[in-house]
Amino acid sequence: MVIKVKNYFDKAKTVENVPMAVKNEHKGVSKPSLSVVYNKNSKRVTLTAGLADALCLEESVDFFPLVEDGILLVSKKLDLENVSNGKINKEGKRICYSEPLSAMIAKAFELDYSNCTSKHFDDITFDEIDGVKVAAVKIK
């Protein structure tokens, strides 16, 4: 069964999330993917240039977790309550140096970092909702 990104977006309208400020910068690769680093020395979320370009990101990025579905919605602008938002650079990887954001993803999705410091996610579905591109990133 294929679930449309719009279904996740509609569900996100009914789920409460806590917003947080994040900062993004750096250069990167082109395959659409997202990674979460969560260790004592660094906590960050990285979007590759391919993901950022596919979403037409220019100055900021919005995140919204749908934990029950194992989905993290990512977009230039999510028309939802309490999205987590971060500033981005205009080239390469977009890195969100944010302990609250990486902690929220790691804890909400129960990611195990006992044997690693980074988790990489590239199972991504794209859709356009109300003229804005939205990605549903499967968090495993």
Protein backbone atom coordinates (compact mmCIF):
# COMPACT_ATOMS: atom_id res chain seq x y z
CA MET A 1 0.00 0.00 0.00
CA VAL A 2 1.39 3.39 -1.01
CA ILE A 3 0.75 6.23 1.41
CA LYS A 4 0.76 9.72 -0.08
CA VAL A 5 2.73 12.56 1.51
CA LYS A 6 -0.54 14.52 1.68
CA ASN A 7 -1.91 11.88 4.08
CA TYR A 8 1.05 12.49 6.42
CA PHE A 9 0.62 16.24 6.06
CA ASP A 10 -3.09 16.01 6.94
CA LYS A 11 -2.24 13.86 9.96
CA ALA A 12 0.41 16.34 11.09
CA LYS A 13 -2.31 18.95 11.47
CA THR A 14 -3.71 16.89 14.36
CA VAL A 15 -0.40 16.11 16.12
CA GLU A 16 1.25 18.45 18.65
CA ASN A 17 4.91 19.32 18.14
CA VAL A 18 7.34 21.57 20.01
CA PRO A 19 9.06 24.21 17.81
CA MET A 20 12.78 24.91 18.09
CA ALA A 21 15.27 27.22 16.42
CA VAL A 22 18.07 25.65 14.39
CA LYS A 23 21.04 26.89 12.36
CA ASN A 24 22.15 25.39 9.03
CA GLU A 25 25.38 25.73 7.06
CA HIS A 26 28.02 23.70 5.16
CA LYS A 27 28.60 22.09 1.74
CA GLY A 28 27.48 18.67 0.60
CA VAL A 29 26.48 15.99 -1.86
CA SER A 30 23.54 15.77 -4.23
CA LYS A 31 21.60 12.56 -3.39
CA PRO A 32 18.44 13.42 -1.42
CA SER A 33 19.02 12.24 2.13
CA LEU A 34 18.98 13.34 5.74
CA SER A 35 21.26 12.33 8.58
CA VAL A 36 21.06 12.79 12.33
CA VAL A 37 24.24 12.96 14.43
CA TYR A 38 23.68 12.48 18.14
CA ASN A 39 26.71 12.04 20.40
CA LYS A 40 28.37 13.86 23.30
CA ASN A 41 30.49 16.03 20.97
CA SER A 42 27.96 16.95 18.30
CA LYS A 43 24.23 17.03 17.76
CA ARG A 44 23.02 18.04 14.32
CA VAL A 45 20.71 17.27 11.41
CA THR A 46 22.13 17.39 7.89
CA LEU A 47 20.14 17.70 4.66
CA THR A 48 22.07 16.98 1.49
CA ALA A 49 22.03 19.53 -1.31
CA GLY A 50 19.88 17.07 -3.29
CA LEU A 51 17.17 17.11 -0.63
CA ALA A 52 17.39 20.87 -0.12
CA ASP A 53 17.26 21.50 -3.89
CA ALA A 54 14.31 19.12 -4.37
CA LEU A 55 12.40 21.13 -1.75
CA CYS A 56 13.50 24.51 -3.19
CA LEU A 57 14.96 25.54 0.16
CA GLU A 58 16.36 29.07 0.17
CA GLU A 59 16.50 30.56 3.65
CA SER A 60 14.80 28.16 6.07
CA VAL A 61 13.49 24.63 6.54
CA ASP A 62 10.57 23.27 8.57
CA PHE A 63 10.46 19.86 10.30
CA PHE A 64 7.48 17.99 11.76
CA PRO A 65 7.66 14.44 13.23
CA LEU A 66 4.91 11.87 12.79
CA VAL A 67 6.37 9.38 15.23
CA GLU A 68 3.57 6.82 15.00
CA ASP A 69 4.18 6.52 11.25
CA GLY A 70 7.99 6.75 11.45
CA ILE A 71 7.90 9.84 9.23
CA LEU A 72 9.65 13.20 9.47
CA LEU A 73 8.02 15.85 7.26
CA VAL A 74 10.51 18.33 5.80
CA SER A 75 9.64 21.39 3.72
CA LYS A 76 10.37 25.02 2.96
CA LYS A 77 7.11 25.91 4.72
CA LEU A 78 4.77 23.53 6.54
CA ASP A 79 1.38 25.05 7.24
CA LEU A 80 1.15 23.27 10.61
CA GLU A 81 1.10 24.28 14.27
CA ASN A 82 4.41 24.16 16.19
CA VAL A 83 6.82 23.18 13.42
CA SER A 84 10.55 23.11 14.13
CA ASN A 85 12.25 25.67 11.89
CA GLY A 86 15.88 26.38 10.99
CA LYS A 87 17.90 28.82 8.91
CA ILE A 88 19.89 27.38 6.00
CA ASN A 89 22.77 28.38 3.78
CA LYS A 90 22.28 28.56 0.01
CA GLU A 91 24.85 25.98 -1.18
CA GLY A 92 25.86 22.41 -0.35
CA LYS A 93 24.65 20.55 2.71
CA ARG A 94 22.26 22.32 5.01
CA ILE A 95 23.38 21.53 8.54
CA CYS A 96 21.16 22.23 11.53
CA TYR A 97 23.45 22.51 14.56
CA SER A 98 20.66 21.98 17.05
CA GLU A 99 20.71 19.77 20.11
CA PRO A 100 16.92 20.13 20.60
CA LEU A 101 16.16 19.10 17.01
CA SER A 102 18.55 16.13 16.91
CA ALA A 103 17.46 15.06 20.41
CA MET A 104 13.79 15.27 19.44
CA ILE A 105 14.35 13.05 16.39
CA ALA A 106 16.61 10.57 18.23
CA LYS A 107 14.28 10.22 21.20
CA ALA A 108 10.93 10.46 19.43
CA PHE A 109 11.86 7.79 16.90
CA GLU A 110 13.81 5.75 19.52
CA LEU A 111 17.02 5.72 17.48
CA ASP A 112 19.83 3.65 19.02
CA TYR A 113 23.18 5.45 18.97
CA SER A 114 24.97 3.00 21.28
CA ASN A 115 27.19 1.67 18.46
CA CYS A 116 27.30 4.71 16.18
CA THR A 117 27.16 8.50 16.16
CA SER A 118 25.17 9.08 12.98
CA LYS A 119 22.04 7.68 11.32
CA HIS A 120 21.41 8.19 7.60
CA PHE A 121 17.94 8.22 5.98
CA ASP A 122 17.33 8.20 2.24
CA ASP A 123 13.89 6.56 1.96
CA ILE A 124 12.17 9.80 0.94
CA THR A 125 8.85 10.48 -0.81
CA PHE A 126 8.11 13.88 -2.35
CA ASP A 127 4.82 15.62 -3.03
CA GLU A 128 3.52 19.14 -3.57
CA ILE A 129 0.90 20.44 -1.16
CA ASP A 130 -0.72 23.83 -1.73
CA GLY A 131 2.11 24.76 -4.11
CA VAL A 132 4.88 23.84 -1.63
CA LYS A 133 7.15 20.79 -2.02
CA VAL A 134 7.10 18.47 0.99
CA ALA A 135 9.29 15.43 1.74
CA ALA A 136 8.26 12.51 3.94
CA VAL A 137 11.50 11.01 5.28
CA LYS A 138 11.10 7.47 6.60
CA ILE A 139 12.95 7.26 9.91
CA LYS A 140 13.88 3.62 10.58
